[in-house]
Amino acid sequence: MSTTPRPPRRSASPMRPELVEPVTLGTLREALADAGFAPLAASDGVDWGTEVTGISMDSRSVEPGDLYVALGGANRHGAEFASQVAAAGAAAILTDDDGVRLVEASGLSGVPVLTAGGLRDLVGPLSARIFNSQPADAPRPQLFGVTGTNGKTTTTYFVNSLLKSLGKTTGLIGTIEIVAGDQPIPSALTTPESPQVHGILALMRERGLDAAAMEVSSHAISYRRVDGVRYDVAGFTNLTQDHLDLHGSMEDYFLTKAKLFTPQRASRAVVCVDDEWGRLLAGKSGVETVTLATQGSLEADWSVRAVERVGLGHRFELHGPGVQVLQARTGLPGTFNVSNAALALVMLLASGVESARLQHALDTADPLTVEVPGRMQLVGAEPAAIVDFAHNPDALERTLASVRRPEEGSRVIIVFGATGERDQTKRPLMGAIAARLADVVIVTDDDPHGEDEQTIRNGVLAGAEEAVRTRALATQVLEVFPRGNAIDRAVAMAGPADTVLVAGRGHEVFQEVKGVNLELDDRVELRRALRRHGFSALGAEAVES
């Protein structure tokens, strides 16, 4: 058995802390048993004193000292790469019974092989223990998690900006970027897996950050990417139709989101109760919960009142228990951004920030006016040219309702499509919404993935054309592709008082077509079209990140 502890291992990975204190396989076995998991099994002679300094589910990212978790995949089993990870310095391999047979068939020796059932359930707790990402006995960043269908990204940016205005050093984990302090963390992953999430949290702790904000999608919960993570404050925005290709029903979608609001995953919560799902969640939440109403006269602990449009943005009041009132503003377009801003404010209040201190930050720093890439991002003023991520019916309706300019005769011209190999039922719904709320609807391609582009467009067009016919609308419906041509057509039709909205892809810089990533940034295409047709554009004409 190992008798001489190794020093902390230095990692070159940007998604891990630089130094990790070694932990033995025996310690990991005990930690899982204490958490209620079945004991890890091993063949005779396994040295439980073997030290581990990292964890990976990807054979290509294994570093010396890693525990490699070999899972079965759709096409290949991770254990097929046992020799490769051993050569890379893996300290041990954890796999299932099928994986053990593959390792034995490879003739590999000298690397401990452990077995367990339900491997994916173990990755989060193992990652948390190996990286010591959220220690109970040492300082760590306060962690804010935001879930819901729409508004997650913007709310995390608001939380981050508010924290900075209070003098905090912050981190961000989201779909657009991952940042630790002022340093971006490069990642080839759209959604980090559990080892990366815990590695990033440990990195933020190592760098002494005060707090971090994180998007928590239903995919992240379903695929156990945030297992072992505990949020100091969890926030809920809303729940509308999306991701039914994964969940099957709104009820299942809701139950997945609700898993975040349990004592194992959160200390306290803030829930927006504007929709029925929020009200249901507030009643079912298993942790201390503060409620927020941003529309109408719903009863809640905190409520938004006196909303007033100022330029593209809004001023509003946030009323709380007793006589607490916060005066706030956001320069981002859309009343839904008032909701996002209010949620961010109440999450900070729930974390213990005093309202007077928060009001001082609102008065001196304007923290709720922050550019969020691809979220109501303004790239031109005359015409108003906006790129937004709205890619489901509710988001599209909210966005379209917020962008019409007050000038008489101004029009809204929208360019959008639908994603391939996703929930097909929302395509005609989105087409109908666009026809009802825009003056010109240009249907084009989004990310078709492996699906036929014409089939996708037909689904959207059917909804738009039926709405025009049954409602006797004057809306003009066009089909233009590829997407760059559609954006150019929209700008060519626009006048200075109009609004051109390009929706669906937001910050994305590649369009996936039959397995090939084609360079395409809606913001770049829109700027080019504006200048080509004699209008001015905001920002540089370059692919954004």
Protein backbone atom coordinates (compact mmCIF):
# COMPACT_ATOMS: atom_id res chain seq x y z
CA MET A 1 0.00 0.00 0.00
CA SER A 2 1.23 3.53 -0.75
CA THR A 3 2.97 5.07 2.25
CA THR A 4 4.47 8.33 0.95
CA PRO A 5 1.81 10.91 0.05
CA ARG A 6 2.46 12.73 -3.18
CA PRO A 7 2.46 16.54 -3.25
CA PRO A 8 -0.46 18.38 -4.86
CA ARG A 9 -0.60 17.73 -8.59
CA ARG A 10 -0.28 20.71 -10.93
CA SER A 11 -2.76 20.70 -13.79
CA ALA A 12 -2.38 22.39 -17.16
CA SER A 13 -6.13 22.21 -17.85
CA PRO A 14 -7.92 25.59 -17.90
CA MET A 15 -11.00 23.89 -16.42
CA ARG A 16 -9.30 22.57 -13.27
CA PRO A 17 -7.59 24.13 -10.29
CA GLU A 18 -3.83 24.32 -10.67
CA LEU A 19 -3.24 22.32 -7.49
CA VAL A 20 -5.22 19.30 -6.26
CA GLU A 21 -4.49 17.49 -3.01
CA PRO A 22 -4.33 13.74 -3.68
CA VAL A 23 -7.18 11.56 -2.36
CA THR A 24 -6.98 7.77 -2.14
CA LEU A 25 -9.30 5.25 -3.78
CA GLY A 26 -10.17 4.07 -0.27
CA THR A 27 -11.28 7.56 0.70
CA LEU A 28 -13.45 7.77 -2.42
CA ARG A 29 -14.99 4.37 -1.62
CA GLU A 30 -15.84 5.57 1.91
CA ALA A 31 -17.24 8.87 0.65
CA LEU A 32 -19.62 7.10 -1.73
CA ALA A 33 -20.70 4.65 0.97
CA ASP A 34 -21.38 7.54 3.39
CA ALA A 35 -23.55 9.15 0.68
CA GLY A 36 -25.65 5.98 0.42
CA PHE A 37 -24.22 4.51 -2.77
CA ALA A 38 -23.45 0.81 -3.17
CA PRO A 39 -19.81 -0.04 -2.38
CA LEU A 40 -17.26 0.07 -5.16
CA ALA A 41 -16.05 -3.38 -6.16
CA ALA A 42 -12.55 -4.32 -7.25
CA SER A 43 -10.55 -7.37 -8.19
CA ASP A 44 -8.17 -8.90 -5.67
CA GLY A 45 -4.98 -7.01 -5.09
CA VAL A 46 -6.27 -3.52 -5.84
CA ASP A 47 -4.32 -0.96 -3.81
CA TRP A 48 -6.94 1.21 -2.10
CA GLY A 49 -4.14 3.57 -1.15
CA THR A 50 -3.68 4.56 -4.81
CA GLU A 51 -3.88 8.33 -5.01
CA VAL A 52 -6.13 10.25 -7.40
CA THR A 53 -5.76 13.92 -8.33
CA GLY A 54 -8.40 14.31 -11.05
CA ILE A 55 -11.35 12.71 -12.81
CA SER A 56 -12.38 12.45 -16.45
CA MET A 57 -15.10 10.82 -18.54
CA ASP A 58 -13.28 11.62 -21.80
CA SER A 59 -10.28 9.48 -22.67
CA ARG A 60 -8.79 12.39 -24.64
CA SER A 61 -8.65 14.68 -21.61
CA VAL A 62 -7.12 12.26 -19.08
CA GLU A 63 -4.21 13.70 -17.12
CA PRO A 64 -1.68 11.86 -14.92
CA GLY A 65 -3.34 10.87 -11.65
CA ASP A 66 -6.91 10.86 -13.02
CA LEU A 67 -9.67 8.44 -12.20
CA TYR A 68 -11.05 7.56 -15.64
CA VAL A 69 -14.78 6.77 -15.61
CA ALA A 70 -15.43 4.45 -18.57
CA LEU A 71 -19.10 4.66 -19.54
CA GLY A 72 -21.01 2.81 -22.22
CA GLY A 73 -21.83 5.07 -25.17
CA ALA A 74 -24.16 4.98 -28.15
CA ASN A 75 -21.43 3.64 -30.43
CA ARG A 76 -18.47 2.66 -28.29
CA HIS A 77 -17.71 1.86 -24.67
CA GLY A 78 -15.26 4.06 -22.82
CA ALA A 79 -13.38 1.00 -21.60
CA GLU A 80 -12.21 0.40 -25.16
CA PHE A 81 -9.73 3.21 -24.52
CA ALA A 82 -8.27 1.68 -21.36
CA SER A 83 -4.77 1.29 -22.81
CA GLN A 84 -4.83 4.87 -24.08
CA VAL A 85 -5.76 6.34 -20.68
CA ALA A 86 -3.23 4.13 -18.91
CA ALA A 87 -0.52 5.48 -21.20
CA ALA A 88 -1.72 9.01 -20.36
CA GLY A 89 -1.12 8.30 -16.67
CA ALA A 90 -4.58 7.41 -15.37
CA ALA A 91 -4.34 6.32 -11.74
CA ALA A 92 -7.38 4.02 -11.93
CA ILE A 93 -10.36 3.07 -14.08
CA LEU A 94 -13.96 2.93 -12.86
CA THR A 95 -16.35 1.09 -15.15
CA ASP A 96 -19.29 -1.33 -15.32
CA ASP A 97 -19.33 -5.10 -15.88
CA ASP A 98 -19.18 -4.71 -19.67
CA GLY A 99 -16.23 -2.40 -19.24
CA VAL A 100 -14.38 -4.85 -17.03
CA ARG A 101 -14.63 -7.50 -19.73
CA LEU A 102 -13.26 -5.07 -22.30
CA VAL A 103 -10.34 -4.12 -20.04
CA GLU A 104 -9.55 -7.77 -19.39
CA ALA A 105 -9.67 -8.52 -23.10
CA SER A 106 -7.15 -5.73 -23.72
CA GLY A 107 -4.62 -7.41 -21.46
CA LEU A 108 -4.11 -4.19 -19.48
CA SER A 109 -2.31 -4.58 -16.17
CA GLY A 110 -0.87 -2.28 -13.54
CA VAL A 111 -3.87 0.09 -13.38
CA PRO A 112 -6.53 -0.57 -10.70
CA VAL A 113 -9.95 -1.33 -12.18
CA LEU A 114 -13.04 -0.69 -10.06
CA THR A 115 -16.65 -1.53 -10.89
CA ALA A 116 -20.03 -0.13 -9.93
CA GLY A 117 -23.58 0.10 -11.20
CA GLY A 118 -25.19 3.41 -12.09
CA LEU A 119 -21.87 4.97 -13.01
CA ARG A 120 -23.27 8.32 -14.11
CA ASP A 121 -24.85 8.76 -10.66
CA LEU A 122 -21.39 8.54 -9.10
CA VAL A 123 -19.52 11.04 -11.28
CA GLY A 124 -20.83 14.16 -9.54
CA PRO A 125 -20.10 13.05 -5.96
CA LEU A 126 -16.70 11.71 -7.02
CA SER A 127 -15.83 14.96 -8.82
CA ALA A 128 -16.88 17.03 -5.79
CA ARG A 129 -14.68 14.96 -3.48
CA ILE A 130 -11.64 14.78 -5.75
CA PHE A 131 -11.59 18.50 -6.57
CA ASN A 132 -12.92 19.55 -3.13
CA SER A 133 -15.03 22.04 -5.06
CA GLN A 134 -17.35 23.16 -2.23
CA PRO A 135 -15.67 22.43 1.10
CA ALA A 136 -17.74 22.93 4.24
CA ASP A 137 -14.71 23.89 6.32
CA ALA A 138 -12.98 26.44 4.07
CA PRO A 139 -13.86 29.65 2.20
CA ARG A 140 -15.46 29.18 -1.20
CA PRO A 141 -17.39 31.32 -3.69
CA GLN A 142 -21.05 31.93 -2.94
CA LEU A 143 -22.92 30.14 -5.73
CA PHE A 144 -26.05 31.40 -7.51
CA GLY A 145 -27.88 29.03 -9.88
CA VAL A 146 -30.61 30.12 -12.32
CA THR A 147 -33.01 27.75 -14.04
CA GLY A 148 -36.15 28.14 -16.16
CA THR A 149 -36.98 28.09 -19.85
CA ASN A 150 -36.20 31.69 -20.76
CA GLY A 151 -34.04 34.32 -19.12
CA LYS A 152 -31.37 32.13 -17.52
CA THR A 153 -28.44 33.67 -19.36
CA THR A 154 -29.47 37.30 -18.88
CA THR A 155 -30.30 36.75 -15.21
CA THR A 156 -26.86 35.27 -14.52
CA TYR A 157 -25.26 38.26 -16.26
CA PHE A 158 -27.36 40.57 -14.09
CA VAL A 159 -26.37 38.68 -10.93
CA ASN A 160 -22.72 38.84 -11.96
CA SER A 161 -22.92 42.57 -12.72
CA LEU A 162 -24.69 43.33 -9.44
CA LEU A 163 -22.06 41.41 -7.49
CA LYS A 164 -19.29 43.35 -9.24
CA SER A 165 -21.01 46.62 -8.39
CA LEU A 166 -20.82 45.53 -4.74
CA GLY A 167 -17.07 45.07 -5.05
CA LYS A 168 -17.09 41.28 -5.37
CA THR A 169 -14.81 39.21 -7.57
CA THR A 170 -17.05 36.92 -9.56
CA GLY A 171 -17.25 33.94 -11.86
CA LEU A 172 -19.73 32.91 -14.53
CA ILE A 173 -20.64 29.48 -15.91
CA GLY A 174 -23.04 29.63 -18.84
CA THR A 175 -23.85 28.75 -22.41
CA ILE A 176 -22.10 31.83 -23.79
CA GLU A 177 -18.92 31.85 -21.75
CA ILE A 178 -17.15 30.63 -18.64
CA VAL A 179 -15.23 33.28 -16.71
CA ALA A 180 -13.22 33.17 -13.48
CA GLY A 181 -12.66 36.74 -12.33
CA ASP A 182 -11.54 38.64 -15.41
CA GLN A 183 -10.13 35.55 -17.13
CA PRO A 184 -12.18 33.65 -19.73
CA ILE A 185 -11.88 29.89 -19.49
CA PRO A 186 -11.64 28.33 -22.96
CA SER A 187 -13.84 25.30 -23.47
CA ALA A 188 -14.70 23.08 -26.40
CA LEU A 189 -17.80 21.95 -24.51
CA THR A 190 -21.20 23.54 -25.06
CA THR A 191 -22.31 22.19 -21.68
CA PRO A 192 -19.61 21.13 -19.21
CA GLU A 193 -19.93 17.64 -17.77
CA SER A 194 -19.80 17.08 -14.03
CA PRO A 195 -15.98 16.77 -13.79
CA GLN A 196 -15.58 20.10 -15.59
CA VAL A 197 -18.25 21.82 -13.47
CA HIS A 198 -16.56 20.76 -10.24
CA GLY A 199 -13.14 21.50 -11.67
CA ILE A 200 -14.23 25.05 -12.56
CA LEU A 201 -15.79 25.61 -9.13
CA ALA A 202 -12.57 24.42 -7.51
CA LEU A 203 -10.56 26.71 -9.79
CA MET A 204 -12.73 29.66 -8.72
CA ARG A 205 -12.18 28.72 -5.07
CA GLU A 206 -8.43 28.44 -5.65
CA ARG A 207 -8.39 31.94 -7.15
CA GLY A 208 -10.26 33.38 -4.19
CA LEU A 209 -13.40 34.50 -6.01
CA ASP A 210 -16.21 35.80 -3.81
CA ALA A 211 -19.16 34.51 -5.82
CA ALA A 212 -20.25 32.87 -9.06
CA ALA A 213 -23.43 32.67 -11.14
CA MET A 214 -24.38 29.61 -13.17
CA GLU A 215 -27.07 28.66 -15.66
CA VAL A 216 -28.73 25.36 -14.76
CA SER A 217 -30.59 23.82 -17.71
CA SER A 218 -32.96 20.88 -17.61
CA HIS A 219 -30.40 18.97 -19.68
CA ALA A 220 -27.77 19.62 -17.01
CA ILE A 221 -30.11 18.22 -14.36
CA SER A 222 -31.33 15.27 -16.45
CA TYR A 223 -27.84 14.22 -17.53
CA ARG A 224 -26.51 14.67 -13.98
CA ARG A 225 -24.01 17.36 -14.96
CA VAL A 226 -24.64 19.32 -11.76
CA ASP A 227 -24.80 16.38 -9.34
CA GLY A 228 -22.82 17.12 -6.22
CA VAL A 229 -23.21 20.91 -6.68
CA ARG A 230 -25.04 22.87 -3.97
CA TYR A 231 -26.25 26.40 -4.69
CA ASP A 232 -26.48 29.05 -1.99
CA VAL A 233 -29.40 30.59 -3.88
CA ALA A 234 -31.35 28.93 -6.71
CA GLY A 235 -33.55 31.11 -8.90
CA PHE A 236 -36.46 30.20 -11.20
CA THR A 237 -37.50 32.37 -14.14
CA ASN A 238 -40.44 30.67 -15.90
CA LEU A 239 -41.48 27.47 -17.64
CA THR A 240 -42.82 27.42 -21.20
CA GLN A 241 -42.87 24.87 -24.01
CA ASP A 242 -39.37 23.77 -24.94
CA HIS A 243 -37.22 20.62 -24.86
CA LEU A 244 -40.23 18.32 -25.11
CA ASP A 245 -38.09 16.13 -27.36
CA LEU A 246 -36.17 15.31 -24.17
CA HIS A 247 -38.89 15.46 -21.53
CA GLY A 248 -41.97 14.32 -23.41
CA SER A 249 -44.40 16.50 -21.45
CA MET A 250 -44.54 19.78 -19.57
CA GLU A 251 -45.12 17.86 -16.36
CA ASP A 252 -41.87 15.92 -16.74
CA TYR A 253 -40.07 19.12 -17.75
CA PHE A 254 -41.34 20.77 -14.55
CA LEU A 255 -40.36 17.84 -12.33
CA THR A 256 -36.84 17.98 -13.74
CA LYS A 257 -36.54 21.67 -12.90
CA ALA A 258 -38.02 21.07 -9.45
CA LYS A 259 -35.12 18.75 -8.57
CA LEU A 260 -32.97 21.85 -8.15
CA PHE A 261 -35.14 23.09 -5.29
CA THR A 262 -34.26 20.41 -2.77
CA PRO A 263 -31.98 20.55 0.31
CA GLN A 264 -29.38 18.44 -1.50
CA ARG A 265 -28.99 21.04 -4.24
CA ALA A 266 -29.84 24.44 -2.74
CA SER A 267 -29.85 26.32 0.56
CA ARG A 268 -32.58 28.77 -0.39
CA ALA A 269 -34.57 29.79 -3.44
CA VAL A 270 -36.22 32.68 -5.24
CA VAL A 271 -39.13 31.70 -7.49
CA CYS A 272 -40.86 33.95 -10.00
CA VAL A 273 -44.60 33.14 -9.72
CA ASP A 274 -45.79 34.89 -12.88
CA ASP A 275 -46.84 31.58 -14.46
CA GLU A 276 -48.68 28.56 -13.06
CA TRP A 277 -45.50 26.49 -13.00
CA GLY A 278 -43.75 29.04 -10.80
CA ARG A 279 -46.67 29.05 -8.37
CA LEU A 280 -46.63 25.26 -8.31
CA LEU A 281 -42.89 25.21 -7.71
CA ALA A 282 -43.14 27.73 -4.87
CA GLY A 283 -45.59 25.41 -3.13
CA LYS A 284 -43.47 22.30 -3.67
CA SER A 285 -40.02 23.77 -3.00
CA GLY A 286 -38.15 21.85 -0.34
CA VAL A 287 -36.01 24.81 0.77
CA GLU A 288 -36.61 28.28 2.19
CA THR A 289 -38.26 30.12 -0.71
CA VAL A 290 -38.87 33.78 -1.49
CA THR A 291 -41.50 34.52 -4.15
CA LEU A 292 -41.40 37.24 -6.81
CA ALA A 293 -44.20 38.60 -9.01
CA THR A 294 -43.21 40.77 -11.95
CA GLN A 295 -46.55 41.02 -13.75
CA GLY A 296 -50.11 41.78 -12.69
CA SER A 297 -51.27 41.83 -9.07
CA LEU A 298 -50.17 38.38 -7.93
CA GLU A 299 -49.37 37.97 -4.26
CA ALA A 300 -45.67 37.47 -3.57
CA ASP A 301 -42.95 38.44 -1.11
CA TRP A 302 -41.50 40.85 -3.67
CA SER A 303 -43.33 42.49 -6.58
CA VAL A 304 -42.46 44.72 -9.51
CA ARG A 305 -44.46 47.94 -9.81
CA ALA A 306 -44.42 51.29 -11.62
CA VAL A 307 -42.75 50.00 -14.77
CA GLU A 308 -41.96 52.89 -17.09
CA ARG A 309 -40.33 52.71 -20.50
CA VAL A 310 -37.20 54.86 -20.84
CA GLY A 311 -35.60 54.68 -24.27
CA LEU A 312 -35.21 51.00 -25.13
CA GLY A 313 -35.15 49.99 -21.47
CA HIS A 314 -37.31 50.50 -18.38
CA ARG A 315 -37.39 51.97 -14.91
CA PHE A 316 -39.24 50.05 -12.22
CA GLU A 317 -39.81 49.69 -8.50
CA LEU A 318 -39.29 46.49 -6.53
CA HIS A 319 -41.50 46.31 -3.43
CA GLY A 320 -40.74 43.88 -0.62
CA PRO A 321 -41.75 43.00 2.93
CA GLY A 322 -42.62 45.94 5.14
CA VAL A 323 -41.73 49.22 3.49
CA GLN A 324 -38.77 48.00 1.47
CA VAL A 325 -38.66 49.53 -2.01
CA LEU A 326 -35.81 49.42 -4.51
CA GLN A 327 -35.63 51.87 -7.42
CA ALA A 328 -34.05 50.20 -10.43
CA ARG A 329 -33.56 50.50 -14.16
CA THR A 330 -32.32 48.34 -17.00
CA GLY A 331 -31.27 49.60 -20.40
CA LEU A 332 -31.98 46.23 -22.05
CA PRO A 333 -35.11 46.14 -24.23
CA GLY A 334 -38.16 44.12 -23.25
CA THR A 335 -40.35 43.92 -20.16
CA PHE A 336 -39.10 40.36 -19.71
CA ASN A 337 -35.73 41.91 -18.91
CA VAL A 338 -37.45 43.77 -16.08
CA SER A 339 -38.44 40.33 -14.80
CA ASN A 340 -34.89 39.02 -15.21
CA ALA A 341 -33.46 42.06 -13.45
CA ALA A 342 -35.92 41.78 -10.57
CA LEU A 343 -35.09 38.10 -10.11
CA ALA A 344 -31.37 38.90 -9.95
CA LEU A 345 -32.02 41.60 -7.34
CA VAL A 346 -34.13 39.36 -5.12
CA MET A 347 -31.56 36.55 -5.39
CA LEU A 348 -28.92 38.90 -3.99
CA LEU A 349 -31.28 40.00 -1.24
CA ALA A 350 -31.94 36.35 -0.41
CA SER A 351 -28.19 35.78 -0.19
CA GLY A 352 -27.95 38.32 2.62
CA VAL A 353 -27.14 41.57 0.81
CA GLU A 354 -28.81 44.50 2.58
CA SER A 355 -31.33 46.44 0.51
CA ALA A 356 -29.68 49.81 1.30
CA ARG A 357 -26.34 48.54 0.00
CA LEU A 358 -28.00 47.20 -3.13
CA GLN A 359 -29.80 50.51 -3.72
CA HIS A 360 -26.49 52.34 -3.49
CA ALA A 361 -25.06 50.06 -6.19
CA LEU A 362 -28.11 50.63 -8.40
CA ASP A 363 -27.78 54.38 -8.01
CA THR A 364 -24.04 54.60 -8.71
CA ALA A 365 -23.12 51.82 -11.15
CA ASP A 366 -26.15 51.09 -13.40
CA PRO A 367 -25.38 47.35 -13.06
CA LEU A 368 -28.57 46.18 -14.81
CA THR A 369 -27.52 47.74 -18.09
CA VAL A 370 -25.02 45.17 -19.27
CA GLU A 371 -24.61 43.75 -22.76
CA VAL A 372 -25.46 40.06 -22.94
CA PRO A 373 -24.11 38.54 -26.17
CA GLY A 374 -26.95 37.48 -28.44
CA ARG A 375 -29.66 38.40 -25.95
CA MET A 376 -31.59 41.45 -27.22
CA GLN A 377 -28.25 42.65 -28.57
CA LEU A 378 -28.54 45.92 -30.44
CA VAL A 379 -26.35 46.06 -33.56
CA GLY A 380 -28.02 49.00 -35.30
CA ALA A 381 -30.17 52.01 -34.33
CA GLU A 382 -31.89 53.21 -37.53
CA PRO A 383 -33.40 50.82 -38.30
CA ALA A 384 -33.29 49.18 -34.87
CA ALA A 385 -31.43 45.95 -35.60
CA ILE A 386 -31.57 43.33 -32.86
CA VAL A 387 -30.22 39.79 -32.49
CA ASP A 388 -31.89 37.58 -29.89
CA PHE A 389 -31.79 33.93 -28.87
CA ALA A 390 -35.60 33.54 -28.81
CA HIS A 391 -36.07 29.98 -30.05
CA ASN A 392 -39.33 28.82 -28.48
CA PRO A 393 -42.92 30.15 -28.64
CA ASP A 394 -42.96 32.05 -25.35
CA ALA A 395 -39.57 33.70 -25.89
CA LEU A 396 -40.51 34.69 -29.44
CA GLU A 397 -43.81 36.22 -28.32
CA ARG A 398 -42.17 38.19 -25.51
CA THR A 399 -39.41 39.43 -27.77
CA LEU A 400 -41.71 40.50 -30.59
CA ALA A 401 -44.03 42.27 -28.15
CA SER A 402 -41.11 44.34 -26.86
CA VAL A 403 -39.36 45.56 -30.03
CA ARG A 404 -41.98 47.63 -31.85
CA ARG A 405 -40.96 51.29 -31.95
CA PRO A 406 -43.43 54.03 -31.04
CA GLU A 407 -43.04 55.99 -34.30
CA GLU A 408 -46.18 55.96 -36.41
CA GLY A 409 -45.85 53.64 -39.39
CA SER A 410 -42.84 51.77 -38.02
CA ARG A 411 -42.74 48.07 -38.88
CA VAL A 412 -41.29 44.91 -37.33
CA ILE A 413 -39.46 42.61 -39.73
CA ILE A 414 -38.45 39.27 -38.27
CA VAL A 415 -36.01 36.66 -39.61
CA PHE A 416 -36.13 33.28 -37.92
CA GLY A 417 -36.47 29.52 -38.37
CA ALA A 418 -36.58 26.42 -36.19
CA THR A 419 -33.94 23.99 -35.02
CA GLY A 420 -33.85 20.57 -36.64
CA GLU A 421 -34.22 17.31 -34.73
CA ARG A 422 -36.01 19.07 -31.89
CA ASP A 423 -39.62 19.49 -30.76
CA GLN A 424 -41.54 19.77 -34.04
CA THR A 425 -44.81 20.90 -32.41
CA LYS A 426 -43.45 24.36 -31.65
CA ARG A 427 -42.67 25.17 -35.31
CA PRO A 428 -46.20 26.15 -36.43
CA LEU A 429 -46.79 27.84 -33.06
CA MET A 430 -43.78 30.08 -33.63
CA GLY A 431 -44.87 30.79 -37.19
CA ALA A 432 -48.31 31.89 -35.98
CA ILE A 433 -46.82 34.11 -33.27
CA ALA A 434 -44.54 35.81 -35.79
CA ALA A 435 -47.41 36.42 -38.22
CA ARG A 436 -49.53 37.93 -35.47
CA LEU A 437 -46.91 40.26 -33.99
CA ALA A 438 -44.68 41.23 -36.94
CA ASP A 439 -45.41 43.05 -40.19
CA VAL A 440 -43.00 41.01 -42.30
CA VAL A 441 -42.07 37.42 -41.50
CA ILE A 442 -39.05 35.93 -43.26
CA VAL A 443 -38.77 32.20 -42.60
CA THR A 444 -35.29 30.78 -43.05
CA ASP A 445 -32.98 28.09 -41.66
CA ASP A 446 -31.78 27.87 -38.07
CA ASP A 447 -29.56 24.88 -37.20
CA PRO A 448 -31.10 22.03 -39.23
CA HIS A 449 -28.64 19.45 -37.86
CA GLY A 450 -29.38 16.28 -39.84
CA GLU A 451 -32.99 17.10 -40.74
CA ASP A 452 -34.17 18.27 -44.16
CA GLU A 453 -34.19 22.08 -44.19
CA GLN A 454 -37.29 22.37 -46.36
CA THR A 455 -39.28 20.17 -43.99
CA ILE A 456 -38.38 22.43 -41.08
CA ARG A 457 -39.25 25.61 -42.96
CA ASN A 458 -42.56 24.11 -44.08
CA GLY A 459 -43.56 23.56 -40.45
CA VAL A 460 -42.92 27.19 -39.56
CA LEU A 461 -44.52 28.51 -42.76
CA ALA A 462 -47.66 26.45 -42.18
CA GLY A 463 -48.28 28.14 -38.84
CA ALA A 464 -47.59 31.63 -40.21
CA GLU A 465 -49.75 31.24 -43.31
CA GLU A 466 -52.66 29.74 -41.38
CA ALA A 467 -52.58 32.65 -38.92
CA VAL A 468 -52.63 35.14 -41.80
CA ARG A 469 -55.53 33.33 -43.40
CA THR A 470 -57.71 32.71 -40.33
CA ARG A 471 -57.08 36.11 -38.71
CA ALA A 472 -57.19 38.10 -41.97
CA LEU A 473 -53.79 39.59 -41.19
CA ALA A 474 -51.91 41.93 -43.50
CA THR A 475 -48.59 40.33 -42.53
CA GLN A 476 -46.26 39.52 -45.40
CA VAL A 477 -44.79 36.01 -45.14
CA LEU A 478 -41.66 35.15 -47.13
CA GLU A 479 -39.36 32.16 -47.38
CA VAL A 480 -35.70 33.08 -47.99
CA PHE A 481 -32.62 30.92 -47.56
CA PRO A 482 -29.81 30.54 -46.81
CA ARG A 483 -29.91 32.55 -43.58
CA GLY A 484 -27.45 35.23 -44.68
CA ASN A 485 -29.64 36.02 -47.69
CA ALA A 486 -32.70 36.22 -45.45
CA ILE A 487 -31.00 38.76 -43.17
CA ASP A 488 -29.96 40.83 -46.18
CA ARG A 489 -33.52 40.74 -47.55
CA ALA A 490 -34.90 41.97 -44.23
CA VAL A 491 -32.54 44.95 -44.11
CA ALA A 492 -33.24 45.75 -47.77
CA MET A 493 -36.94 46.03 -46.93
CA ALA A 494 -36.41 48.17 -43.81
CA GLY A 495 -36.67 51.89 -43.32
CA PRO A 496 -34.95 53.94 -40.58
CA ALA A 497 -38.00 53.80 -38.29
CA ASP A 498 -38.43 50.01 -38.60
CA THR A 499 -37.10 47.17 -36.43
CA VAL A 500 -35.26 44.17 -37.85
CA LEU A 501 -35.22 41.26 -35.44
CA VAL A 502 -33.05 38.21 -36.17
CA ALA A 503 -34.15 35.52 -33.74
CA GLY A 504 -33.25 32.00 -32.73
CA ARG A 505 -29.47 31.70 -32.71
CA GLY A 506 -28.28 34.61 -30.59
CA HIS A 507 -24.60 34.32 -29.74
CA GLU A 508 -23.94 31.19 -31.81
CA VAL A 509 -21.17 31.47 -34.41
CA PHE A 510 -21.64 28.18 -36.29
CA GLN A 511 -24.62 26.69 -38.08
CA GLU A 512 -24.75 22.90 -37.97
CA VAL A 513 -25.86 21.36 -41.29
CA LYS A 514 -25.69 17.59 -41.67
CA GLY A 515 -22.76 17.21 -39.34
CA VAL A 516 -20.79 20.18 -40.70
CA ASN A 517 -20.32 23.41 -38.74
CA LEU A 518 -20.63 26.38 -41.09
CA GLU A 519 -19.34 29.74 -39.84
CA LEU A 520 -22.37 31.96 -39.31
CA ASP A 521 -22.83 34.77 -36.80
CA ASP A 522 -26.18 36.58 -37.04
CA ARG A 523 -24.62 39.75 -35.58
CA VAL A 524 -21.93 39.82 -38.24
CA GLU A 525 -24.42 39.15 -41.05
CA LEU A 526 -26.76 41.85 -39.77
CA ARG A 527 -23.99 44.46 -39.50
CA ARG A 528 -22.79 43.67 -43.01
CA ALA A 529 -26.32 43.96 -44.38
CA LEU A 530 -26.88 47.28 -42.64
CA ARG A 531 -23.72 48.79 -44.10
CA ARG A 532 -24.38 47.27 -47.52
CA HIS A 533 -27.75 49.05 -47.66
CA GLY A 534 -26.44 52.41 -46.45
CA PHE A 535 -27.26 52.20 -42.72
CA SER A 536 -24.87 52.52 -39.81
CA ALA A 537 -24.07 49.57 -37.54
CA LEU A 538 -22.88 49.23 -33.96
CA GLY A 539 -19.80 47.15 -33.18
CA ALA A 540 -16.99 45.64 -35.22
CA GLU A 541 -17.65 43.45 -38.24
CA ALA A 542 -16.04 40.32 -36.85
CA VAL A 543 -17.16 37.00 -35.44
CA GLU A 544 -17.93 37.53 -31.78
CA SER A 545 -17.19 35.11 -28.97
